[in-house]
Amino acid sequence: MNEEKPDQKMLDRAKRLQAIAQNGLTYAKDQYDVERFEQVQAIAAEIMADRTPQSVEEIVDIFSDQVGYATPKVDVRGVVFRDGRILLVRELADGLWTLPGGWADPCESPREAVAREVYEESGFEVAPTKLLAVYDRSKHPHEPPFAFHVYKIFIRCEIVGGEASDSNETDGAAFFAEDDLPPLSISRVTEGQIHRLFEHYRNDDLPADFD
């Protein structure tokens, strides 16, 4: 098990405070309770702003968009191999490479979400075939940290059509060998995760990983 760094421990505490505040604001009826939960939310934002590149105001805006009972967000990533190489896309946001993927939308299954994301970001039509891993983002060396909790789902997919193309979020889609990876967008995927996915490729009998 990865040992948490002091900053990560504080970020986790801030996320828990935010979840308490969000849940409280969802169900509170008394105005005094609402004000107390808003104060808790403000404290959580201050803690996060001290440890992330974002300002208190930016984090408060993010929190304001989160309504209802607080649960982790779901990020799906398509794992596509061809001739022993893995498919990566280059993000316009930072110019770095990652597995195609993104947030799952409401009313989508993981299978539907990952197929959509792979097609939108790479141009390849895929058939999802196997769940490879479910990771807690905060337990892996992603940077920068997020203001909310994220589960990352990695799903093996097989190409059934399409061709490499750019999108409004990416400007490259290519296959890379394990020992020749490009600079990675570690906000989205880590080198250690890529290597683990290659292990799944070499041994199809491995069970799914989960934190």
Protein backbone atom coordinates (compact mmCIF):
# COMPACT_ATOMS: atom_id res chain seq x y z
CA MET A 1 0.00 0.00 0.00
CA ASN A 2 1.31 3.47 -0.90
CA GLU A 3 2.16 5.64 2.10
CA GLU A 4 0.37 8.97 1.88
CA LYS A 5 2.43 12.17 1.86
CA PRO A 6 1.51 14.88 4.41
CA ASP A 7 0.01 17.14 1.72
CA GLN A 8 -2.07 14.26 0.36
CA LYS A 9 -3.38 13.51 3.85
CA MET A 10 -4.49 17.12 4.21
CA LEU A 11 -6.08 17.08 0.76
CA ASP A 12 -7.97 13.92 1.67
CA ARG A 13 -9.20 15.59 4.85
CA ALA A 14 -10.30 18.61 2.83
CA LYS A 15 -12.20 16.34 0.44
CA ARG A 16 -13.95 14.70 3.37
CA LEU A 17 -14.86 18.10 4.76
CA GLN A 18 -16.22 19.09 1.36
CA ALA A 19 -18.28 15.90 1.18
CA ILE A 20 -19.72 16.58 4.66
CA ALA A 21 -20.54 20.14 3.63
CA GLN A 22 -22.09 19.09 0.32
CA ASN A 23 -24.22 16.43 1.96
CA GLY A 24 -25.24 18.87 4.68
CA LEU A 25 -26.22 21.55 2.17
CA THR A 26 -28.24 18.94 0.29
CA TYR A 27 -30.39 18.01 3.28
CA ALA A 28 -30.22 20.96 5.70
CA LYS A 29 -33.46 22.90 6.20
CA ASP A 30 -32.45 25.27 8.99
CA GLN A 31 -30.70 28.45 7.78
CA TYR A 32 -28.18 28.27 10.64
CA ASP A 33 -27.22 24.75 9.57
CA VAL A 34 -26.84 25.94 5.97
CA GLU A 35 -24.48 28.70 7.09
CA ARG A 36 -22.41 26.25 9.15
CA PHE A 37 -22.02 23.87 6.22
CA GLU A 38 -21.06 26.78 3.97
CA GLN A 39 -18.34 27.66 6.48
CA VAL A 40 -17.09 24.06 6.44
CA GLN A 41 -17.01 24.20 2.64
CA ALA A 42 -15.02 27.45 2.74
CA ILE A 43 -12.47 25.90 5.12
CA ALA A 44 -12.09 22.89 2.78
CA ALA A 45 -11.48 25.28 -0.12
CA GLU A 46 -8.80 27.14 1.85
CA ILE A 47 -6.98 23.89 2.68
CA MET A 48 -7.02 22.80 -0.95
CA ALA A 49 -5.90 26.19 -2.24
CA ASP A 50 -2.84 25.99 0.03
CA ARG A 51 -1.81 22.72 -1.62
CA THR A 52 -2.90 23.06 -5.26
CA PRO A 53 -2.30 25.58 -8.08
CA GLN A 54 -5.94 26.73 -7.85
CA SER A 55 -7.19 29.75 -5.94
CA VAL A 56 -9.81 29.64 -3.18
CA GLU A 57 -12.28 31.29 -5.56
CA GLU A 58 -11.69 28.67 -8.27
CA ILE A 59 -12.15 25.83 -5.81
CA VAL A 60 -15.31 27.37 -4.37
CA ASP A 61 -16.67 27.55 -7.92
CA ILE A 62 -15.88 23.85 -8.39
CA PHE A 63 -17.60 23.01 -5.11
CA SER A 64 -20.64 25.07 -6.09
CA ASP A 65 -21.14 22.85 -9.14
CA GLN A 66 -21.31 19.74 -6.94
CA VAL A 67 -24.84 19.16 -5.72
CA GLY A 68 -26.65 16.24 -4.16
CA TYR A 69 -25.08 13.49 -2.08
CA ALA A 70 -21.30 13.53 -2.54
CA THR A 71 -19.86 10.50 -4.35
CA PRO A 72 -16.61 9.91 -6.29
CA LYS A 73 -16.47 11.00 -9.93
CA VAL A 74 -15.78 8.31 -12.54
CA ASP A 75 -13.00 8.62 -15.12
CA VAL A 76 -12.90 5.89 -17.81
CA ARG A 77 -9.78 5.06 -19.85
CA GLY A 78 -9.64 2.86 -22.93
CA VAL A 79 -6.72 0.41 -23.13
CA VAL A 80 -6.15 -0.45 -26.78
CA PHE A 81 -3.24 -2.55 -28.04
CA ARG A 82 -2.09 -3.20 -31.59
CA ASP A 83 0.98 -5.27 -32.46
CA GLY A 84 2.27 -5.05 -28.90
CA ARG A 85 1.90 -1.27 -28.71
CA ILE A 86 -0.55 0.80 -26.68
CA LEU A 87 -2.78 3.56 -28.04
CA LEU A 88 -2.16 7.03 -26.61
CA VAL A 89 -3.58 10.42 -27.55
CA ARG A 90 -1.99 13.84 -27.16
CA GLU A 91 -4.02 16.30 -25.13
CA LEU A 92 -4.37 19.83 -26.47
CA ALA A 93 -4.65 21.09 -22.89
CA ASP A 94 -1.03 20.29 -21.98
CA GLY A 95 0.58 18.80 -25.11
CA LEU A 96 1.22 15.51 -23.29
CA TRP A 97 0.07 11.94 -23.97
CA THR A 98 -2.49 9.76 -22.23
CA LEU A 99 -4.87 6.88 -22.70
CA PRO A 100 -8.03 8.05 -24.48
CA GLY A 101 -10.77 8.67 -21.96
CA GLY A 102 -12.53 11.12 -19.68
CA TRP A 103 -15.53 11.57 -17.43
CA ALA A 104 -18.38 9.09 -17.70
CA ASP A 105 -21.71 10.77 -18.39
CA PRO A 106 -24.99 10.11 -16.55
CA CYS A 107 -27.07 7.29 -18.06
CA GLU A 108 -23.94 5.71 -19.60
CA SER A 109 -22.56 2.34 -18.62
CA PRO A 110 -18.74 2.08 -18.29
CA ARG A 111 -18.75 0.11 -21.56
CA GLU A 112 -20.65 2.85 -23.38
CA ALA A 113 -18.60 5.64 -21.84
CA VAL A 114 -15.22 4.19 -22.74
CA ALA A 115 -16.24 3.35 -26.32
CA ARG A 116 -17.50 6.91 -26.78
CA GLU A 117 -14.36 8.46 -25.30
CA VAL A 118 -11.98 6.34 -27.38
CA TYR A 119 -13.84 7.20 -30.57
CA GLU A 120 -14.10 10.91 -29.77
CA GLU A 121 -10.44 11.29 -28.82
CA SER A 122 -8.70 8.89 -31.22
CA GLY A 123 -11.06 8.17 -34.14
CA PHE A 124 -11.05 4.42 -33.51
CA GLU A 125 -14.27 2.47 -33.04
CA VAL A 126 -13.77 -0.11 -30.30
CA ALA A 127 -15.48 -2.99 -28.56
CA PRO A 128 -14.76 -3.02 -24.79
CA THR A 129 -13.79 -6.54 -23.73
CA LYS A 130 -12.40 -6.63 -20.19
CA LEU A 131 -12.16 -4.58 -17.00
CA LEU A 132 -8.46 -4.28 -16.14
CA ALA A 133 -8.34 -1.95 -13.16
CA VAL A 134 -10.28 0.39 -10.88
CA TYR A 135 -7.93 2.85 -9.18
CA ASP A 136 -8.46 5.55 -6.58
CA ARG A 137 -6.75 8.57 -8.17
CA SER A 138 -5.55 9.93 -4.83
CA LYS A 139 -3.59 6.73 -4.15
CA HIS A 140 -1.46 7.14 -7.29
CA PRO A 141 1.15 9.81 -8.14
CA HIS A 142 -1.11 11.98 -10.31
CA GLU A 143 -0.37 15.70 -10.46
CA PRO A 144 -1.91 18.11 -9.79
CA PRO A 145 -4.36 16.85 -7.16
CA PHE A 146 -8.08 17.34 -7.79
CA ALA A 147 -10.57 19.09 -5.54
CA PHE A 148 -12.84 16.03 -5.62
CA HIS A 149 -12.50 12.29 -5.30
CA VAL A 150 -12.03 10.25 -8.49
CA TYR A 151 -12.23 6.56 -9.39
CA LYS A 152 -10.34 5.68 -12.58
CA ILE A 153 -11.63 2.70 -14.58
CA PHE A 154 -9.31 1.08 -17.15
CA ILE A 155 -11.04 -1.09 -19.76
CA ARG A 156 -9.41 -3.23 -22.45
CA CYS A 157 -10.85 -2.53 -25.90
CA GLU A 158 -10.42 -4.07 -29.35
CA ILE A 159 -10.46 -1.99 -32.53
CA VAL A 160 -13.39 -2.75 -34.81
CA GLY A 161 -13.21 0.21 -37.18
CA GLY A 162 -12.23 3.82 -37.73
CA GLU A 163 -8.82 5.40 -38.12
CA ALA A 164 -6.56 7.73 -36.16
CA SER A 165 -7.84 11.30 -36.15
CA ASP A 166 -7.71 14.49 -34.09
CA SER A 167 -10.53 15.91 -31.99
CA ASN A 168 -11.43 19.13 -30.20
CA GLU A 169 -9.43 17.82 -27.20
CA THR A 170 -6.55 15.95 -28.89
CA ASP A 171 -4.13 16.52 -31.75
CA GLY A 172 -2.53 13.10 -32.09
CA ALA A 173 -3.31 9.41 -31.77
CA ALA A 174 -0.53 6.80 -32.06
CA PHE A 175 0.67 3.45 -30.75
CA PHE A 176 3.74 3.22 -28.51
CA ALA A 177 6.00 0.42 -27.28
CA GLU A 178 6.38 -0.02 -23.52
CA ASP A 179 10.04 1.02 -23.63
CA ASP A 180 9.41 4.04 -25.87
CA LEU A 181 6.62 5.98 -24.18
CA PRO A 182 6.19 9.70 -24.95
CA PRO A 183 5.94 12.37 -22.22
CA LEU A 184 2.81 11.48 -20.26
CA SER A 185 0.04 13.70 -18.91
CA ILE A 186 0.33 12.46 -15.35
CA SER A 187 -2.85 14.24 -14.38
CA ARG A 188 -4.57 11.52 -16.45
CA VAL A 189 -2.27 8.48 -16.44
CA THR A 190 1.01 7.50 -14.81
CA GLU A 191 3.92 5.53 -16.20
CA GLY A 192 3.41 2.88 -13.53
CA GLN A 193 -0.18 2.39 -14.65
CA ILE A 194 0.92 2.02 -18.28
CA HIS A 195 3.47 -0.64 -17.32
CA ARG A 196 0.82 -2.51 -15.32
CA LEU A 197 -1.51 -2.46 -18.33
CA PHE A 198 1.25 -4.03 -20.44
CA GLU A 199 1.44 -6.80 -17.82
CA HIS A 200 -2.27 -7.40 -18.36
CA TYR A 201 -1.62 -7.50 -22.10
CA ARG A 202 1.09 -10.14 -21.68
CA ASN A 203 -1.00 -12.18 -19.23
CA ASP A 204 -4.68 -12.13 -20.11
CA ASP A 205 -5.49 -14.32 -17.08
CA LEU A 206 -4.64 -11.60 -14.56
CA PRO A 207 -7.68 -10.54 -12.52
CA ALA A 208 -8.75 -6.91 -12.47
CA ASP A 209 -6.73 -4.62 -10.16
CA PHE A 210 -8.51 -2.43 -7.64
CA ASP A 211 -7.52 -0.16 -4.76
